[in-house]
Structure formats: C-alpha cells, structure tokens
Amino acid sequence: MHRGRSAFSVALGLAVVAGLVWLGVALAGEPTAAVAPDNPAGPIASGVASGRHVRIDGPRGPIHVWIPASYHADTGATILYLHGYFDDADTAWTGHQLAQQFALSALNAIFVVPEAPVAQKVPINYPNLGELLRLVEDGTGVVRGAALTAAVGHSGAFRTLQAWLDEPLLDQLVMIDAMYGDEDAIVGWVRGSPRRRLIFVGEDTLLATESVAEKLPDTLTIDRFPPTYDTWPAAAKTARSVYIRAQFAHMPLVTEGIVLPSLLRLLPVELLAGAPWRLPLGSLPPLPDAQVLDATLN
C-alpha cells in the first residue's frame, strides 16, 4: 500500500503550539493549530525525534516507551500496545514504525510497548499490568497519564490482553484482529462495568468478532474503515462497543499507518495541537533498508 510522505514539523525557533482539544463524550471539534512548514527531516520523523524514546531492559523482555514532546500527565493517558506472534517488541517497534504511528495519532499519552509472546505456548511476559506500569514509571522517571488506560493488541496479543482483564486499571480494550481467545471472557469484561469500552476489528478473526458483536447487542458495527478521521460516524467515538469489519489484511492492519492511528483517535484522549494530527492516514516515512534495521536492533 502506498505510503505518502508526510507533514508534521516544528520548525527551528518556533514553540510548540499550545491549544489542546479534548476528545470524549462532549467532543466539540478538532484543534485549530496549523501544521508548521516541512523541515528536511520530514514531519513525522521530526515529531518522533522531538519526543522521547526509552527502551527499558525489563525482567522478562524489553519495554519500549515513547513520550510526545508536549505530553503532560495531568490530562494524559497511558496507551499500551501489544504485538502479535512472529514479532518481538524490538522488531515490531522498528518494523511496524510504532513511534511514527503513535506520533500520527497525536494523542496526549505515554505509549508503552512491552514484550509479549512471540508464539503459542510461550509464557506471557508481563501478566501483571500494575507491575509493568511501575517498571515504566521507574525506567522513565515520568508520571504516566491516568486519565485513561487503554490496551491495544494485535493478533496473538490476545493472551496478554486476557491476562489483564482482571486489572482494575484497565479502562478500554482495542483488539485488532485479536479475537482468538475466550470470547465470553471479553464479553464479560465489557459487561462488568459501565466505564469499560471495547473496540474490536475482524479480518482473519471474522467468525469470532461476529459472535462477540451478537453477544453485545448495543455494538456499533462499521463495515469498513473510513478513509479519513473525520468520516467516522460520530457514535464511534462514544459507543461502549465498536466493531469494524476490516478491508485490510491481517498484517497491514498494524503496519500501514492507517488502522492503528485511526483506532487510537477513537479513544477519549486529548489531541496535542503541535502534533501531526492533520496528516492523512498512511502518511508514514519509508522504512529503512534491512541493513539499517539490523544495525538499529543490534
């Protein structure tokens, strides 16, 4: 799929634009800040570089953390992203351009990518969400955003997501073609508290996602991913259960910069006005070649 070249930049000598917009039940509109002119590094690359990336050597695998430049914890969120099988946290971080996709979402959040099982029968690396968040705060020295805690998982991430269902910290769950496990456990979690919210995507998991949608009759079902942020139905930003039948294949759901930033925007989290929120979906920079990737990981 074509990836355009993109547009966030904070030109040298300009301060980050200050206005913030709260996305939630009382959603009123988009930020009014204009995007600064392109700089040679590229807008999204500039946004990523201006933020802070920390790779924590956790006790059961690495934990990547990315914090936007203008993140502030007072109204910020904590977003956890879990990769699927056949990737680890390092390869997903680089190969799936996760920091770039997080920047494109423009959310006022601290983004956490912990190690997760790379195959069946491999133990869950971080089954205790509270422990993981303590490791993040200790390893970064940054207070996590507590306005919202959301876990986003792709494919085999379902195992870790299900281990976190009993965690009182978890507010919202985003399952990207990850409905491989116990459907009733997910349905029970949603029904267990009015503050909980589920967003789920079906492609390879279509039979299971259709089943969950039937079990949650108030689910808002959307037949395809809208092409732009502003063409989502308004109810998608507030409905407690949102189901999207994907037109994209299993891996492009999390690698192309279309689905992941779009889903993140459905969370009731502030947008950072200085971030590249005006860029079209899919506006990721070209991936480095394999030799550069190898050097980065080594």
Protein backbone atom coordinates (compact mmCIF):
# COMPACT_ATOMS: atom_id res chain seq x y z
CA MET A 1 0.00 0.00 0.00
CA HIS A 2 1.30 3.41 -0.90
CA ARG A 3 2.76 5.44 1.94
CA GLY A 4 2.84 9.14 1.29
CA ARG A 5 5.39 11.46 2.63
CA SER A 6 4.09 13.41 5.49
CA ALA A 7 3.69 16.65 7.20
CA PHE A 8 4.48 17.32 10.96
CA SER A 9 7.16 19.68 11.75
CA VAL A 10 8.12 22.13 14.33
CA ALA A 11 10.49 24.50 12.55
CA LEU A 12 13.57 25.65 14.48
CA GLY A 13 12.78 28.67 16.57
CA LEU A 14 9.02 28.00 16.84
CA ALA A 15 7.47 26.98 20.11
CA VAL A 16 5.03 24.08 20.12
CA VAL A 17 1.52 25.39 19.57
CA ALA A 18 -0.32 25.28 22.82
CA GLY A 19 -4.06 24.69 22.28
CA LEU A 20 -5.46 21.29 23.20
CA VAL A 21 -8.75 19.65 22.34
CA TRP A 22 -10.43 17.04 24.48
CA LEU A 23 -11.89 14.06 22.59
CA GLY A 24 -14.61 12.39 24.58
CA VAL A 25 -18.29 12.28 25.12
CA ALA A 26 -18.54 16.04 24.71
CA LEU A 27 -16.39 16.03 21.56
CA ALA A 28 -16.56 19.50 20.12
CA GLY A 29 -14.20 19.56 17.16
CA GLU A 30 -10.59 19.39 16.03
CA PRO A 31 -7.62 21.53 17.09
CA THR A 32 -7.24 24.73 15.17
CA ALA A 33 -3.43 24.85 15.14
CA ALA A 34 -1.86 24.84 11.71
CA VAL A 35 0.92 22.44 10.81
CA ALA A 36 4.30 24.17 10.62
CA PRO A 37 6.19 24.10 7.31
CA ASP A 38 8.02 20.90 6.46
CA ASN A 39 11.59 20.56 7.60
CA PRO A 40 14.16 18.40 5.86
CA ALA A 41 13.82 15.51 8.32
CA GLY A 42 10.17 15.02 7.42
CA PRO A 43 7.20 15.96 9.58
CA ILE A 44 6.56 12.64 11.34
CA ALA A 45 10.28 11.97 11.76
CA SER A 46 10.55 15.39 13.40
CA GLY A 47 7.65 14.60 15.70
CA VAL A 48 9.20 11.31 16.74
CA ALA A 49 12.63 12.85 17.27
CA SER A 50 11.23 15.68 19.37
CA GLY A 51 9.63 13.14 21.68
CA ARG A 52 11.49 10.78 23.99
CA HIS A 53 12.09 7.07 23.40
CA VAL A 54 13.24 4.83 26.24
CA ARG A 55 13.99 1.13 25.88
CA ILE A 56 13.78 -0.47 29.31
CA ASP A 57 15.54 -3.78 29.90
CA GLY A 58 12.67 -5.31 31.82
CA PRO A 59 12.91 -8.52 33.83
CA ARG A 60 11.03 -10.53 31.18
CA GLY A 61 11.88 -8.72 27.99
CA PRO A 62 12.31 -5.18 26.68
CA ILE A 63 9.74 -2.43 27.18
CA HIS A 64 9.70 0.42 24.66
CA VAL A 65 8.23 3.73 25.79
CA TRP A 66 7.59 6.79 23.63
CA ILE A 67 6.55 10.12 25.10
CA PRO A 68 5.47 13.01 22.83
CA ALA A 69 7.32 16.29 23.27
CA SER A 70 4.32 18.16 24.67
CA TYR A 71 2.93 15.28 26.75
CA HIS A 72 1.55 16.32 30.12
CA ALA A 73 0.35 13.82 32.68
CA ASP A 74 -2.41 15.91 34.25
CA THR A 75 -4.85 15.09 31.45
CA GLY A 76 -2.76 12.45 29.71
CA ALA A 77 -3.48 8.79 29.00
CA THR A 78 -1.50 5.58 29.11
CA ILE A 79 -1.69 3.51 25.91
CA LEU A 80 -0.22 0.01 25.90
CA TYR A 81 0.40 -1.71 22.57
CA LEU A 82 0.98 -5.48 22.34
CA HIS A 83 2.44 -7.09 19.23
CA GLY A 84 1.35 -10.45 17.86
CA TYR A 85 3.18 -13.68 17.14
CA PHE A 86 6.32 -13.88 14.98
CA ASP A 87 7.44 -10.43 16.12
CA ASP A 88 9.03 -9.32 19.34
CA ALA A 89 8.92 -5.88 20.93
CA ASP A 90 12.11 -4.77 19.14
CA THR A 91 11.14 -5.92 15.64
CA ALA A 92 7.60 -4.57 16.00
CA TRP A 93 8.91 -1.25 17.31
CA THR A 94 11.12 -0.69 14.29
CA GLY A 95 9.50 -2.71 11.51
CA HIS A 96 5.96 -1.55 12.26
CA GLN A 97 7.08 2.06 12.80
CA LEU A 98 5.21 2.24 16.07
CA ALA A 99 6.63 5.55 17.28
CA GLN A 100 5.71 7.09 13.92
CA GLN A 101 2.17 5.73 14.16
CA PHE A 102 1.84 6.97 17.74
CA ALA A 103 3.01 10.42 16.63
CA LEU A 104 0.47 10.38 13.80
CA SER A 105 -2.32 9.70 16.30
CA ALA A 106 -1.41 13.00 18.03
CA LEU A 107 -2.64 11.77 21.42
CA ASN A 108 -1.54 13.24 24.74
CA ALA A 109 -0.40 9.87 26.03
CA ILE A 110 2.58 7.88 27.14
CA PHE A 111 2.88 4.89 24.78
CA VAL A 112 4.17 1.57 26.11
CA VAL A 113 5.19 -1.45 24.00
CA PRO A 114 6.18 -4.36 26.26
CA GLU A 115 7.49 -7.74 25.18
CA ALA A 116 4.70 -10.24 24.55
CA PRO A 117 4.61 -13.91 23.47
CA VAL A 118 6.12 -14.49 20.04
CA ALA A 119 4.48 -17.91 19.58
CA GLN A 120 1.96 -20.29 21.09
CA LYS A 121 2.90 -21.92 24.40
CA VAL A 122 5.47 -19.19 25.14
CA PRO A 123 4.77 -17.76 28.63
CA ILE A 124 3.20 -14.32 28.92
CA ASN A 125 5.99 -11.84 29.65
CA TYR A 126 4.08 -9.29 31.70
CA PRO A 127 0.86 -10.78 33.07
CA ASN A 128 0.68 -8.13 35.82
CA LEU A 129 -0.31 -4.75 34.39
CA GLY A 130 0.40 -2.88 37.62
CA GLU A 131 3.96 -4.23 37.74
CA LEU A 132 4.51 -3.25 34.11
CA LEU A 133 3.36 0.32 34.71
CA ARG A 134 5.64 0.62 37.76
CA LEU A 135 8.57 -0.50 35.62
CA VAL A 136 7.66 2.17 33.07
CA GLU A 137 7.48 4.98 35.60
CA ASP A 138 10.70 3.88 37.29
CA GLY A 139 12.51 3.42 33.98
CA THR A 140 11.48 6.77 32.50
CA GLY A 141 11.09 8.97 35.55
CA VAL A 142 7.81 10.17 34.00
CA VAL A 143 4.41 10.04 35.67
CA ARG A 144 2.07 8.06 33.47
CA GLY A 145 -1.18 9.60 32.29
CA ALA A 146 -4.02 8.30 34.45
CA ALA A 147 -6.95 9.98 32.70
CA LEU A 148 -7.36 6.78 30.68
CA THR A 149 -5.58 3.44 30.47
CA ALA A 150 -6.13 1.53 27.24
CA ALA A 151 -4.59 -1.69 25.96
CA VAL A 152 -4.29 -2.20 22.20
CA GLY A 153 -3.36 -5.65 20.91
CA HIS A 154 -2.85 -7.30 17.54
CA SER A 155 -3.31 -10.98 16.74
CA GLY A 156 -1.52 -13.20 19.32
CA ALA A 157 -1.61 -10.31 21.80
CA PHE A 158 -4.97 -11.74 22.89
CA ARG A 159 -3.23 -13.89 25.50
CA THR A 160 -1.76 -10.92 27.36
CA LEU A 161 -4.96 -8.91 26.95
CA GLN A 162 -6.98 -11.69 28.55
CA ALA A 163 -4.49 -11.87 31.43
CA TRP A 164 -5.20 -8.19 32.09
CA LEU A 165 -8.98 -8.42 32.20
CA ASP A 166 -8.99 -8.58 36.00
CA GLU A 167 -6.81 -5.47 36.29
CA PRO A 168 -8.80 -2.56 37.79
CA LEU A 169 -6.51 -0.12 35.97
CA LEU A 170 -7.76 -1.15 32.53
CA ASP A 171 -10.43 1.18 31.11
CA GLN A 172 -10.59 0.39 27.39
CA LEU A 173 -9.59 -2.50 25.18
CA VAL A 174 -8.76 -2.35 21.47
CA MET A 175 -8.45 -5.76 19.78
CA ILE A 176 -7.06 -5.60 16.25
CA ASP A 177 -7.85 -8.95 14.63
CA ALA A 178 -7.09 -10.50 18.00
CA MET A 179 -10.30 -12.32 18.90
CA TYR A 180 -8.68 -15.76 19.08
CA GLY A 181 -9.26 -16.49 22.75
CA ASP A 182 -12.20 -16.77 25.12
CA GLU A 183 -14.96 -14.64 23.61
CA ASP A 184 -17.12 -14.90 26.72
CA ALA A 185 -14.30 -13.54 28.88
CA ILE A 186 -14.14 -10.42 26.70
CA VAL A 187 -17.93 -10.02 26.70
CA GLY A 188 -18.00 -10.48 30.47
CA TRP A 189 -15.31 -7.85 30.92
CA VAL A 190 -17.30 -5.27 28.94
CA ARG A 191 -20.47 -6.03 30.87
CA GLY A 192 -18.66 -5.93 34.22
CA SER A 193 -18.50 -2.14 34.49
CA PRO A 194 -20.16 0.79 32.69
CA ARG A 195 -16.81 2.54 32.41
CA ARG A 196 -15.32 -0.22 30.25
CA ARG A 197 -15.18 0.04 26.48
CA LEU A 198 -14.29 -2.40 23.70
CA ILE A 199 -13.19 -1.58 20.14
CA PHE A 200 -12.57 -4.67 18.02
CA VAL A 201 -11.58 -5.39 14.43
CA GLY A 202 -12.29 -8.51 12.40
CA GLU A 203 -10.44 -9.84 9.37
CA ASP A 204 -8.85 -13.24 9.98
CA THR A 205 -10.95 -13.48 13.16
CA LEU A 206 -14.24 -12.64 11.44
CA LEU A 207 -16.26 -15.57 12.83
CA ALA A 208 -15.28 -14.73 16.40
CA THR A 209 -15.78 -10.99 16.04
CA GLU A 210 -19.24 -11.50 14.55
CA SER A 211 -20.07 -13.72 17.52
CA VAL A 212 -18.94 -11.09 20.03
CA ALA A 213 -20.94 -8.41 18.23
CA GLU A 214 -24.05 -10.60 18.54
CA LYS A 215 -23.44 -11.11 22.26
CA LEU A 216 -23.14 -7.35 22.78
CA PRO A 217 -26.33 -6.17 21.05
CA ASP A 218 -25.60 -2.47 21.58
CA THR A 219 -22.44 -2.79 19.46
CA LEU A 220 -21.95 -0.17 16.76
CA THR A 221 -20.90 -2.13 13.65
CA ILE A 222 -18.97 -0.43 10.85
CA ASP A 223 -18.46 -2.30 7.57
CA ARG A 224 -15.17 -0.73 6.50
CA PHE A 225 -12.52 1.54 7.93
CA PRO A 226 -13.38 5.12 6.97
CA PRO A 227 -10.73 6.72 4.76
CA THR A 228 -10.21 9.77 6.98
CA TYR A 229 -10.50 10.67 10.65
CA ASP A 230 -13.46 12.94 10.06
CA THR A 231 -15.57 10.35 8.20
CA TRP A 232 -16.00 8.08 11.22
CA PRO A 233 -19.60 8.02 12.49
CA ALA A 234 -19.85 10.35 15.46
CA ALA A 235 -21.11 7.47 17.62
CA ALA A 236 -17.84 5.57 17.08
CA LYS A 237 -16.13 7.95 19.49
CA THR A 238 -18.57 7.31 22.33
CA ALA A 239 -20.16 3.87 21.85
CA ARG A 240 -19.15 1.34 24.52
CA SER A 241 -18.71 -1.41 21.94
CA VAL A 242 -17.46 -0.66 18.42
CA TYR A 243 -16.87 -3.36 15.80
CA ILE A 244 -15.14 -2.75 12.47
CA ARG A 245 -15.09 -5.30 9.64
CA ALA A 246 -11.73 -4.64 8.07
CA GLN A 247 -11.00 -4.31 4.37
CA PHE A 248 -7.27 -4.66 5.09
CA ALA A 249 -5.32 -7.90 5.53
CA HIS A 250 -4.08 -9.12 8.90
CA MET A 251 -0.61 -7.51 8.97
CA PRO A 252 -1.35 -4.23 7.13
CA LEU A 253 -3.84 -3.53 9.91
CA VAL A 254 -0.86 -2.61 12.11
CA THR A 255 1.91 -1.74 9.66
CA GLU A 256 0.47 0.74 7.17
CA GLY A 257 -0.28 3.74 9.38
CA ILE A 258 -3.97 3.68 8.53
CA VAL A 259 -5.79 1.47 11.01
CA LEU A 260 -3.72 1.92 14.17
CA PRO A 261 -3.66 5.76 14.27
CA SER A 262 -7.33 5.81 13.26
CA LEU A 263 -8.33 3.49 16.11
CA LEU A 264 -6.24 5.44 18.60
CA ARG A 265 -8.19 8.58 17.67
CA LEU A 266 -11.39 6.84 18.80
CA LEU A 267 -10.10 6.89 22.38
CA PRO A 268 -11.30 9.82 24.51
CA VAL A 269 -7.87 11.40 24.82
CA GLU A 270 -6.67 14.95 24.23
CA LEU A 271 -5.05 15.77 20.93
CA LEU A 272 -1.75 17.61 21.07
CA ALA A 273 -2.15 20.62 18.83
CA GLY A 274 1.54 20.65 17.94
CA ALA A 275 1.46 17.04 16.73
CA PRO A 276 0.81 15.98 13.10
CA TRP A 277 -2.91 15.49 13.53
CA ARG A 278 -3.78 17.00 10.14
CA LEU A 279 -1.78 14.42 8.15
CA PRO A 280 -3.71 11.88 6.09
CA LEU A 281 -3.82 8.29 7.27
CA GLY A 282 -0.97 6.18 5.93
CA SER A 283 1.50 9.07 5.95
CA LEU A 284 4.46 7.06 7.21
CA PRO A 285 8.05 7.71 6.11
CA PRO A 286 9.76 4.98 4.08
CA LEU A 287 11.18 2.13 6.12
CA PRO A 288 14.98 1.95 6.31
CA ASP A 289 16.56 -0.93 4.43
CA ALA A 290 17.26 -4.25 6.13
CA GLN A 291 20.88 -3.40 6.92
CA VAL A 292 19.86 -0.26 8.77
CA LEU A 293 17.19 -2.23 10.64
CA ASP A 294 19.75 -4.83 11.69
CA ALA A 295 22.14 -2.15 12.90
CA THR A 296 19.36 -0.49 14.89
CA LEU A 297 18.39 -3.73 16.63
CA ASN A 298 21.99 -4.71 17.33
